[in-house]
Amino acid sequence: MTASHYKLDNLCVIVDNNNLQIDGSVDNVMSPYPIDEKFKSFGFNVINIDGHDIEQIIKAFDLAKSVKGKPTAIIAKTIKGKGVSFMENQAGWHGKAPNEEEYKKAIKELKKTN
């Protein structure tokens, strides 16, 4: 509310919306949805994007810069661990580092996608 009240148009919030929390899916733990509507209710300009699409990310930042008189929230829909078979959509990897073997496997899988 403060950001909107003071018209902080130089403020841009980015929400990594991967549908997971540390203890599991947001549906099973505590849903924050609808995230975009909550930000709108506090006076934010809201931009929803695919958080894996670099062109959408750049366009969202450009749009956020052009908005005057209110802050912007970019809601980036993502997949946790995208591109790594054993990490993708797994809440258990929230805040956990892979061991050496897992790291090597992850890097190998990520190199295949590029």
Protein backbone atom coordinates (compact mmCIF):
# COMPACT_ATOMS: atom_id res chain seq x y z
CA MET A 1 0.00 0.00 0.00
CA THR A 2 2.87 2.35 0.79
CA ALA A 3 4.47 1.86 -2.63
CA SER A 4 1.21 2.69 -4.36
CA HIS A 5 0.37 5.57 -2.02
CA TYR A 6 3.70 7.25 -2.74
CA LYS A 7 3.46 6.45 -6.46
CA LEU A 8 6.76 4.57 -6.48
CA ASP A 9 6.91 4.00 -10.21
CA ASN A 10 10.60 3.13 -9.91
CA LEU A 11 9.72 0.01 -7.89
CA CYS A 12 9.39 -3.31 -9.71
CA VAL A 13 8.56 -6.48 -7.78
CA ILE A 14 9.26 -9.84 -9.42
CA VAL A 15 7.36 -12.87 -8.16
CA ASP A 16 8.73 -16.29 -9.09
CA ASN A 17 5.44 -18.15 -9.31
CA ASN A 18 6.46 -21.81 -9.54
CA ASN A 19 3.41 -23.16 -7.64
CA LEU A 20 5.64 -24.62 -4.91
CA GLN A 21 6.50 -23.69 -1.34
CA ILE A 22 9.14 -25.26 0.88
CA ASP A 23 6.65 -27.86 2.16
CA GLY A 24 4.93 -28.72 -1.12
CA SER A 25 2.53 -27.33 -3.68
CA VAL A 26 0.78 -24.09 -2.82
CA ASP A 27 -2.56 -25.87 -3.12
CA ASN A 28 -1.58 -28.21 -0.28
CA VAL A 29 0.25 -25.71 1.94
CA MET A 30 -1.14 -22.17 1.65
CA SER A 31 -2.29 -20.75 -1.63
CA PRO A 32 -1.35 -17.16 -2.45
CA TYR A 33 -3.69 -17.12 -5.47
CA PRO A 34 -4.76 -15.00 -7.17
CA ILE A 35 -1.37 -13.27 -6.85
CA ASP A 36 -1.99 -10.76 -9.63
CA GLU A 37 -5.32 -9.64 -8.19
CA LYS A 38 -3.75 -9.13 -4.76
CA PHE A 39 -1.08 -6.83 -6.19
CA LYS A 40 -3.72 -4.98 -8.23
CA SER A 41 -5.78 -4.44 -5.07
CA PHE A 42 -2.76 -2.67 -3.56
CA GLY A 43 -2.48 -0.35 -6.56
CA PHE A 44 0.23 -2.10 -8.57
CA ASN A 45 0.45 -2.37 -12.32
CA VAL A 46 0.66 -6.13 -12.94
CA ILE A 47 2.35 -7.97 -15.79
CA ASN A 48 1.98 -11.76 -16.10
CA ILE A 49 4.72 -13.55 -18.07
CA ASP A 50 6.34 -16.90 -18.79
CA GLY A 51 9.40 -16.63 -16.55
CA HIS A 52 11.40 -18.92 -18.85
CA ASP A 53 10.94 -16.70 -21.91
CA ILE A 54 13.73 -14.11 -22.01
CA GLU A 55 11.89 -11.97 -24.59
CA GLN A 56 8.86 -11.74 -22.30
CA ILE A 57 11.11 -10.85 -19.36
CA ILE A 58 12.80 -8.03 -21.29
CA LYS A 59 9.46 -6.70 -22.58
CA ALA A 60 8.03 -6.78 -19.04
CA PHE A 61 10.93 -4.70 -17.69
CA ASP A 62 10.59 -2.25 -20.58
CA LEU A 63 6.87 -1.93 -19.90
CA ALA A 64 7.48 -1.52 -16.16
CA LYS A 65 9.86 1.38 -16.90
CA SER A 66 7.17 3.12 -18.92
CA VAL A 67 4.47 2.93 -16.22
CA LYS A 68 4.15 6.21 -14.34
CA GLY A 69 2.51 6.88 -10.99
CA LYS A 70 2.42 3.36 -9.60
CA PRO A 71 4.71 0.39 -8.86
CA THR A 72 4.78 -2.70 -11.05
CA ALA A 73 4.67 -6.39 -10.13
CA ILE A 74 5.90 -8.91 -12.70
CA ILE A 75 4.39 -12.33 -12.01
CA ALA A 76 6.73 -14.84 -13.67
CA LYS A 77 5.21 -18.30 -14.10
CA THR A 78 8.09 -20.77 -13.83
CA ILE A 79 8.87 -24.43 -13.27
CA LYS A 80 11.17 -25.08 -10.33
CA GLY A 81 14.30 -26.90 -11.47
CA LYS A 82 13.35 -26.62 -15.15
CA GLY A 83 15.57 -28.74 -17.38
CA VAL A 84 16.87 -31.06 -14.67
CA SER A 85 14.88 -34.31 -14.62
CA PHE A 86 15.22 -35.09 -10.93
CA MET A 87 14.70 -31.49 -9.77
CA GLU A 88 11.83 -30.33 -11.96
CA ASN A 89 8.70 -29.49 -9.94
CA GLN A 90 10.18 -31.00 -6.78
CA ALA A 91 9.60 -28.91 -3.65
CA GLY A 92 12.34 -30.87 -1.85
CA TRP A 93 14.97 -28.94 -3.82
CA HIS A 94 13.87 -25.64 -2.30
CA GLY A 95 16.95 -24.38 -0.47
CA LYS A 96 18.89 -27.62 -0.95
CA ALA A 97 22.15 -27.89 -2.87
CA PRO A 98 22.92 -30.94 -5.01
CA ASN A 99 25.81 -33.19 -4.05
CA GLU A 100 28.72 -33.61 -6.49
CA GLU A 101 27.11 -36.49 -8.42
CA GLU A 102 23.74 -34.68 -8.68
CA TYR A 103 25.50 -31.50 -9.76
CA LYS A 104 27.31 -33.27 -12.59
CA LYS A 105 24.10 -34.93 -13.76
CA ALA A 106 22.22 -31.62 -13.66
CA ILE A 107 24.90 -29.78 -15.65
CA LYS A 108 24.95 -32.56 -18.23
CA GLU A 109 21.16 -32.36 -18.65
CA LEU A 110 21.20 -28.56 -18.87
CA LYS A 111 23.91 -28.62 -21.54
CA LYS A 112 21.73 -30.93 -23.66
CA THR A 113 18.91 -28.36 -23.71
CA ASN A 114 21.09 -25.52 -25.04
